[in-house]
């Protein structure tokens, strides 16, 4: 049997009146914390505080767009286990973002009132202020063509600008996703993601660059190397070294063919066609090729990526303060240099930059002489 009480005093009155209260249970009830269930008017403040707390991985900016289901999910998430609570908070955040899209970007109901400019501007400002990994992850899921909705990041410049501004401030989810879009997306999304990257990338964003440098597509490798050259970091040097050269790979079978000659058409056969008091023939056209044919049956491909090599030299010079060593595309020698010389050169360059920064803070005043 289950009883629901509006407060602690009602619970005690019921237990005492029905003689269900023993001494031990009385002590337990008196020392326990009774939480009143939130009423309809109390759920919205509960949502705001739940979204604002660090345990919910949310900043509270979506409280305005949460519906009743999202609010109930957030209330239940506070009492659930860590894993279940995280799933509930993610569902609630996605639900609030869908409400934002329906009310201010793309209404589902055809009979809904037109979206006002103020409502749209408020929604765009909300997207630009997203600040936590959970919000960024859910926003990318909802805005990236979920269901039958359009891809707002690709087709709406204002949404794209707001999202990229929020992603640039998030080091764990936003910046790595910006790097990915700057490498694999199509224009104009790729160019806008590239422009939105901050000057100093987070470690996870650098890891994403290193992952893209190991791609199997030449275009992605060159784009990732270009980003590495624009955001130099010593941790990217080993990945650039490995990406600048691809060892020979033997391919067997028909790889390609080149034909040089002349094709001549001729009648190779005739099909008789018989009708009433008439006879005719349908010609069958054949083609005769005269010339030469070159078949590539086996090939070996060795790739020297000059663009990656140039960006490697740029990163080495920016992180060490010295020109890149003349090691060419020799990966083994580069790895030895990275292990033996790079830490010392990087530390010396960092110390020099710190001394220069301290010197720039020094204020010199001219000395006045008497007479």
Protein backbone atom coordinates (compact mmCIF):
# COMPACT_ATOMS: atom_id res chain seq x y z
CA UNK A 1 0.00 0.00 0.00
CA UNK A 2 1.32 3.46 -0.93
CA UNK A 3 0.39 6.79 0.68
CA UNK A 4 1.11 10.27 -0.70
CA UNK A 5 1.29 13.14 1.80
CA UNK A 6 1.39 16.85 1.14
CA UNK A 7 3.81 17.49 4.02
CA UNK A 8 5.47 15.88 7.03
CA UNK A 9 2.72 16.77 9.56
CA UNK A 10 0.04 15.04 7.47
CA UNK A 11 2.23 11.94 7.33
CA UNK A 12 2.61 11.87 11.14
CA UNK A 13 -1.11 12.41 11.76
CA UNK A 14 -2.02 9.50 9.53
CA UNK A 15 0.49 7.13 11.09
CA UNK A 16 -0.45 8.00 14.68
CA UNK A 17 -4.18 7.84 13.98
CA UNK A 18 -3.86 4.38 12.44
CA UNK A 19 -1.49 3.13 15.17
CA UNK A 20 1.13 2.32 12.59
CA UNK A 21 3.91 4.18 14.36
CA UNK A 22 6.34 2.29 16.57
CA UNK A 23 9.00 3.93 18.69
CA UNK A 24 11.79 3.04 16.27
CA UNK A 25 9.81 4.18 13.26
CA UNK A 26 8.88 7.41 15.04
CA UNK A 27 12.55 8.25 15.53
CA UNK A 28 13.22 7.47 11.90
CA UNK A 29 10.38 9.69 10.71
CA UNK A 30 11.37 12.58 12.96
CA UNK A 31 14.99 12.49 11.77
CA UNK A 32 14.17 11.95 8.08
CA UNK A 33 13.93 14.68 5.48
CA UNK A 34 10.52 14.94 3.86
CA UNK A 35 10.46 16.55 0.42
CA UNK A 36 7.13 17.97 -0.63
CA UNK A 37 6.19 17.17 -4.23
CA UNK A 38 6.40 20.30 -6.39
CA UNK A 39 3.16 21.74 -7.58
CA UNK A 40 2.58 23.05 -11.07
CA UNK A 41 3.71 26.54 -10.14
CA UNK A 42 6.84 25.25 -8.39
CA UNK A 43 8.21 23.15 -11.26
CA UNK A 44 9.55 26.04 -13.34
CA UNK A 45 11.79 27.37 -10.51
CA UNK A 46 12.87 23.80 -9.84
CA UNK A 47 13.82 23.48 -13.49
CA UNK A 48 15.81 26.69 -13.43
CA UNK A 49 17.78 25.66 -10.34
CA UNK A 50 18.24 22.14 -11.69
CA UNK A 51 19.58 23.39 -14.99
CA UNK A 52 21.79 25.92 -13.26
CA UNK A 53 23.43 23.43 -10.89
CA UNK A 54 26.68 21.82 -11.92
CA UNK A 55 25.30 18.33 -11.34
CA UNK A 56 22.91 18.71 -14.28
CA UNK A 57 25.55 19.79 -16.81
CA UNK A 58 23.35 22.68 -17.91
CA UNK A 59 23.51 26.44 -17.55
CA UNK A 60 19.80 27.18 -17.05
CA UNK A 61 19.34 29.09 -20.32
CA UNK A 62 16.79 26.57 -21.63
CA UNK A 63 14.38 26.91 -18.72
CA UNK A 64 12.16 29.20 -20.75
CA UNK A 65 11.63 26.58 -23.45
CA UNK A 66 11.11 23.46 -21.33
CA UNK A 67 7.68 21.84 -21.48
CA UNK A 68 6.00 19.82 -18.72
CA UNK A 69 7.66 16.57 -19.80
CA UNK A 70 11.12 18.13 -19.63
CA UNK A 71 10.40 19.56 -16.20
CA UNK A 72 9.25 16.24 -14.85
CA UNK A 73 12.34 14.56 -16.27
CA UNK A 74 14.59 17.04 -14.47
CA UNK A 75 12.74 16.52 -11.20
CA UNK A 76 13.11 12.73 -11.56
CA UNK A 77 16.78 13.08 -12.52
CA UNK A 78 17.55 14.59 -9.12
CA UNK A 79 16.43 11.36 -7.42
CA UNK A 80 17.81 8.89 -9.97
CA UNK A 81 21.20 7.25 -10.14
CA UNK A 82 24.08 8.98 -11.88
CA UNK A 83 23.72 7.12 -15.18
CA UNK A 84 19.92 7.28 -15.33
CA UNK A 85 19.95 10.90 -14.18
CA UNK A 86 22.38 11.86 -16.96
CA UNK A 87 20.12 10.23 -19.55
CA UNK A 88 17.09 12.06 -18.16
CA UNK A 89 18.89 15.41 -18.21
CA UNK A 90 19.92 14.81 -21.81
CA UNK A 91 16.35 13.99 -22.80
CA UNK A 92 15.07 17.07 -20.98
CA UNK A 93 17.63 19.32 -22.66
CA UNK A 94 16.80 17.93 -26.10
CA UNK A 95 13.09 18.42 -25.42
CA UNK A 96 13.67 22.04 -24.42
CA UNK A 97 15.71 22.64 -27.56
CA UNK A 98 12.95 21.15 -29.71
CA UNK A 99 10.54 23.59 -28.11
CA UNK A 100 12.95 26.40 -28.96
CA UNK A 101 13.00 25.27 -32.59
CA UNK A 102 9.20 24.92 -32.75
CA UNK A 103 8.50 28.28 -31.14
CA UNK A 104 11.21 30.46 -32.67
CA UNK A 105 12.79 28.78 -35.72
CA UNK A 106 10.53 26.32 -37.52
CA UNK A 107 7.00 25.71 -36.18
CA UNK A 108 5.57 22.24 -36.84
CA UNK A 109 1.94 23.36 -36.81
CA UNK A 110 1.01 25.06 -40.08
CA UNK A 111 -1.70 27.05 -38.25
CA UNK A 112 0.71 28.40 -35.65
CA UNK A 113 1.11 32.15 -35.38
CA UNK A 114 4.03 33.69 -37.26
CA UNK A 115 7.32 33.88 -35.42
CA UNK A 116 8.08 37.40 -34.28
CA UNK A 117 11.47 39.00 -34.76
CA UNK A 118 11.90 39.38 -30.99
CA UNK A 119 11.13 35.71 -30.36
CA UNK A 120 13.64 34.63 -33.00
CA UNK A 121 16.29 37.04 -31.71
CA UNK A 122 15.80 35.72 -28.17
CA UNK A 123 16.19 32.14 -29.38
CA UNK A 124 19.35 32.99 -31.33
CA UNK A 125 20.78 34.71 -28.26
CA UNK A 126 19.96 31.62 -26.18
CA UNK A 127 21.86 29.40 -28.61
CA UNK A 128 24.84 31.75 -28.55
CA UNK A 129 24.97 31.54 -24.74
CA UNK A 130 24.99 27.73 -24.47
CA UNK A 131 27.94 26.96 -22.26
CA UNK A 132 28.03 23.33 -21.15
CA UNK A 133 29.00 20.14 -23.01
CA UNK A 134 25.52 18.68 -22.54
CA UNK A 135 23.81 21.70 -24.08
CA UNK A 136 26.25 21.84 -27.00
CA UNK A 137 25.87 18.12 -27.69
CA UNK A 138 22.07 18.25 -27.54
CA UNK A 139 21.93 21.39 -29.69
CA UNK A 140 24.05 19.75 -32.39
CA UNK A 141 21.75 16.73 -32.32
CA UNK A 142 18.52 18.76 -32.56
CA UNK A 143 19.69 21.41 -35.04
CA UNK A 144 21.54 19.06 -37.40
CA UNK A 145 18.51 17.96 -39.38
CA UNK A 146 16.72 15.88 -36.75
CA UNK A 147 13.70 14.03 -38.09
CA UNK A 148 11.93 15.96 -40.86
CA UNK A 149 13.36 19.31 -39.79
CA UNK A 150 15.94 21.09 -41.92
CA UNK A 151 19.61 21.27 -40.99
CA UNK A 152 19.64 24.69 -39.35
CA UNK A 153 23.43 24.76 -39.05
CA UNK A 154 23.78 24.37 -42.80
CA UNK A 155 20.86 26.51 -44.01
CA UNK A 156 20.41 29.23 -41.38
CA UNK A 157 23.39 31.64 -41.12
CA UNK A 158 22.17 33.19 -37.86
CA UNK A 159 21.77 29.82 -36.14
CA UNK A 160 25.16 28.71 -37.48
CA UNK A 161 26.86 31.87 -36.23
CA UNK A 162 25.29 31.55 -32.78
CA UNK A 163 26.12 27.85 -32.45
CA UNK A 164 29.71 28.28 -33.59
CA UNK A 165 30.19 31.13 -31.10
CA UNK A 166 28.97 28.88 -28.29
CA UNK A 167 31.03 25.92 -29.50
CA UNK A 168 34.22 27.99 -29.61
CA UNK A 169 33.90 28.61 -25.85
CA UNK A 170 33.44 24.94 -24.93
CA UNK A 171 36.79 23.09 -24.83
CA UNK A 172 35.50 19.54 -24.39
CA UNK A 173 32.74 19.17 -27.01
CA UNK A 174 32.38 22.41 -28.96
CA UNK A 175 35.95 22.98 -30.12
CA UNK A 176 36.55 19.37 -31.26
CA UNK A 177 33.30 19.48 -33.25
CA UNK A 178 34.36 22.77 -34.83
CA UNK A 179 37.63 21.15 -35.92
CA UNK A 180 35.72 18.22 -37.39
CA UNK A 181 33.40 20.54 -39.33
CA UNK A 182 36.37 22.61 -40.53
CA UNK A 183 37.85 19.43 -42.02
CA UNK A 184 34.98 17.29 -43.34
CA UNK A 185 32.05 19.68 -43.89
CA UNK A 186 31.16 21.42 -47.14
CA UNK A 187 31.27 25.15 -47.72
CA UNK A 188 30.07 27.47 -46.30
CA UNK A 189 29.85 25.46 -43.07
CA UNK A 190 33.50 24.41 -43.29
CA UNK A 191 34.78 27.94 -43.81
CA UNK A 192 32.61 29.37 -41.03
CA UNK A 193 33.76 26.66 -38.62
CA UNK A 194 37.36 27.43 -39.56
CA UNK A 195 36.81 31.13 -38.88
CA UNK A 196 35.16 30.40 -35.53
CA UNK A 197 38.10 28.42 -34.12
CA UNK A 198 39.76 30.27 -31.22
CA UNK A 199 43.43 31.21 -31.41
CA UNK A 200 44.37 28.67 -28.73
CA UNK A 201 42.72 25.28 -29.06
CA UNK A 202 41.92 22.93 -26.20
CA UNK A 203 43.73 19.58 -25.80
CA UNK A 204 40.67 17.72 -27.08
CA UNK A 205 40.55 19.92 -30.17
CA UNK A 206 44.23 19.20 -30.80
CA UNK A 207 43.47 15.50 -30.44
CA UNK A 208 40.77 15.88 -33.10
CA UNK A 209 43.31 17.49 -35.46
CA UNK A 210 45.67 14.57 -34.85
CA UNK A 211 42.83 12.14 -35.59
CA UNK A 212 42.00 13.89 -38.86
CA UNK A 213 45.67 13.78 -39.86
CA UNK A 214 45.34 10.00 -39.82
CA UNK A 215 42.39 10.02 -42.21
CA UNK A 216 42.38 7.92 -45.37
CA UNK A 217 41.32 10.88 -47.53
CA UNK A 218 43.99 13.21 -48.88
CA UNK A 219 41.72 16.25 -48.77
CA UNK A 220 40.98 15.78 -45.07
CA UNK A 221 44.67 15.30 -44.25
CA UNK A 222 45.64 18.51 -46.04
CA UNK A 223 42.85 20.48 -44.35
CA UNK A 224 43.84 19.18 -40.92
CA UNK A 225 47.47 20.09 -41.61
CA UNK A 226 46.40 23.60 -42.57
CA UNK A 227 44.54 23.99 -39.26
CA UNK A 228 47.60 22.68 -37.42
CA UNK A 229 49.75 25.30 -39.13
CA UNK A 230 47.31 28.05 -38.07
CA UNK A 231 47.14 26.76 -34.47
CA UNK A 232 50.67 25.48 -33.79
CA UNK A 233 51.18 23.15 -30.85
CA UNK A 234 54.08 20.86 -30.02
CA UNK A 235 51.72 17.94 -29.43
CA UNK A 236 50.79 17.97 -33.15
CA UNK A 237 54.35 17.47 -34.42
CA UNK A 238 54.39 13.63 -34.18
CA UNK A 239 51.08 13.40 -36.05
CA UNK A 240 52.31 15.79 -38.75
CA UNK A 241 55.51 13.79 -39.10
CA UNK A 242 53.55 10.58 -39.65
CA UNK A 243 51.13 12.24 -42.08
CA UNK A 244 53.67 13.90 -44.37
CA UNK A 245 54.66 10.64 -46.06
CA UNK A 246 52.80 7.47 -47.04
CA UNK A 247 54.90 4.37 -47.70
CA UNK A 248 54.60 2.60 -51.08
CA UNK A 249 51.61 0.32 -51.48
CA UNK A 250 51.55 -2.34 -54.17
CA UNK A 251 48.26 -2.75 -56.01
CA UNK A 252 47.60 -5.72 -58.28
CA UNK A 253 45.04 -6.28 -61.00
CA UNK A 254 43.74 -3.96 -63.69
CA UNK A 255 44.41 -0.48 -62.32
CA UNK A 256 43.90 1.56 -65.48
CA UNK A 257 44.17 1.48 -69.26
CA UNK A 258 45.12 3.96 -71.98
CA UNK A 259 43.94 3.45 -75.58
CA UNK A 260 45.30 5.35 -78.61
CA UNK A 261 43.78 4.52 -81.98
CA UNK A 262 40.83 4.82 -84.34
CA UNK A 263 37.42 3.20 -84.05
CA UNK A 264 35.83 2.21 -87.39
CA UNK A 265 32.23 1.08 -87.76
CA UNK A 266 31.18 -1.63 -90.24
CA UNK A 267 28.23 -3.89 -90.94
CA UNK A 268 29.04 -7.22 -89.39
CA UNK A 269 25.71 -8.94 -89.97
CA UNK A 270 22.23 -8.55 -91.45
CA UNK A 271 18.92 -9.71 -90.02
CA UNK A 272 16.26 -10.47 -92.67
CA UNK A 273 12.81 -9.04 -92.11
CA UNK A 274 9.98 -10.61 -94.18
CA UNK A 275 6.65 -8.90 -94.78
CA UNK A 276 3.68 -9.14 -97.13
CA UNK A 277 5.17 -9.24 -100.63
CA UNK A 278 8.34 -7.56 -99.35
CA UNK A 279 11.70 -8.42 -97.87
CA UNK A 280 14.29 -6.24 -96.11
CA UNK A 281 17.38 -6.56 -93.94
CA UNK A 282 18.25 -4.93 -90.60
CA UNK A 283 22.00 -4.23 -90.39
CA UNK A 284 24.02 -5.06 -87.26
CA UNK A 285 26.74 -2.45 -86.72
CA UNK A 286 30.11 -3.57 -85.39
CA UNK A 287 33.13 -1.50 -84.29
CA UNK A 288 36.72 -2.23 -85.20
CA UNK A 289 39.47 -0.62 -83.10
CA UNK A 290 42.86 0.02 -84.73
CA UNK A 291 45.73 1.31 -82.58
CA UNK A 292 47.45 0.49 -79.28
CA UNK A 293 46.21 -0.26 -75.74
CA UNK A 294 48.25 0.19 -72.57
CA UNK A 295 46.99 -1.77 -69.52
CA UNK A 296 48.28 -1.02 -66.03
CA UNK A 297 48.27 -4.39 -64.33
CA UNK A 298 50.33 -3.55 -61.24
CA UNK A 299 51.17 -0.23 -59.58
CA UNK A 300 53.01 1.14 -56.56
CA UNK A 301 51.96 4.45 -55.00
CA UNK A 302 54.29 6.51 -52.80
CA UNK A 303 52.86 9.78 -51.43
CA UNK A 304 54.89 12.82 -50.40
CA UNK A 305 52.46 15.36 -48.94
CA UNK A 306 54.21 18.68 -49.49
CA UNK A 307 51.40 20.71 -47.87
CA UNK A 308 51.68 18.68 -44.66
CA UNK A 309 55.47 19.05 -44.74
CA UNK A 310 55.22 22.85 -45.06
CA UNK A 311 52.80 23.06 -42.13
CA UNK A 312 55.07 20.80 -40.09
CA UNK A 313 57.92 23.26 -40.66
CA UNK A 314 55.63 26.12 -39.58
CA UNK A 315 54.58 24.36 -36.37
CA UNK A 316 58.20 23.51 -35.49
CA UNK A 317 59.31 27.10 -36.03
CA UNK A 318 56.43 28.53 -33.98
CA UNK A 319 56.89 26.14 -31.05
CA UNK A 320 60.71 26.13 -30.90
CA UNK A 321 61.62 29.56 -32.23
CA UNK A 322 64.06 27.95 -34.67
CA UNK A 323 63.83 26.75 -38.28
CA UNK A 324 62.75 23.17 -38.81
CA UNK A 325 65.64 20.70 -39.10
CA UNK A 326 66.46 19.54 -42.66
CA UNK A 327 65.15 16.02 -42.16
CA UNK A 328 62.91 15.91 -45.23
CA UNK A 329 60.33 13.13 -45.18
CA UNK A 330 62.37 10.68 -43.11
CA UNK A 331 59.95 9.67 -40.36
CA UNK A 332 62.53 7.75 -38.33
CA UNK A 333 64.91 10.73 -38.08
CA UNK A 334 62.01 13.05 -37.30
CA UNK A 335 60.89 10.83 -34.43
CA UNK A 336 64.41 10.76 -32.99
CA UNK A 337 64.56 14.56 -33.17
CA UNK A 338 61.10 14.81 -31.58
CA UNK A 339 62.21 12.61 -28.69
CA UNK A 340 65.68 14.10 -28.09
CA UNK A 341 65.58 17.74 -29.20
CA UNK A 342 61.98 18.96 -29.23
CA UNK A 343 61.36 19.06 -25.42
CA UNK A 344 64.53 21.08 -24.82
CA UNK A 345 63.86 23.54 -27.64
CA UNK A 346 60.22 23.97 -26.66
CA UNK A 347 61.09 24.67 -23.02
CA UNK A 348 63.79 27.18 -24.00
CA UNK A 349 61.43 29.00 -26.37
CA UNK A 350 58.69 29.12 -23.73
CA UNK A 351 61.13 30.59 -21.18
CA UNK A 352 62.22 33.18 -23.72
CA UNK A 353 58.63 34.18 -24.40
CA UNK A 354 57.95 34.53 -20.69
CA UNK A 355 61.00 36.78 -20.30
CA UNK A 356 59.84 38.90 -23.21
CA UNK A 357 56.40 39.21 -21.63
CA UNK A 358 57.91 40.34 -18.33
CA UNK A 359 60.13 42.83 -20.15
CA UNK A 360 57.12 44.27 -21.96
CA UNK A 361 55.45 44.93 -18.59
CA UNK A 362 58.42 46.98 -17.38
CA UNK A 363 57.77 50.71 -17.55
CA UNK A 364 60.83 52.89 -18.15
CA UNK A 365 60.79 56.54 -17.19
CA UNK A 366 63.29 59.13 -18.42
CA UNK A 367 65.72 60.46 -15.82
CA UNK A 368 65.54 64.19 -15.21
CA UNK A 369 68.82 66.01 -14.77
CA UNK A 370 69.27 69.19 -12.79
CA UNK A 371 70.66 72.30 -14.37
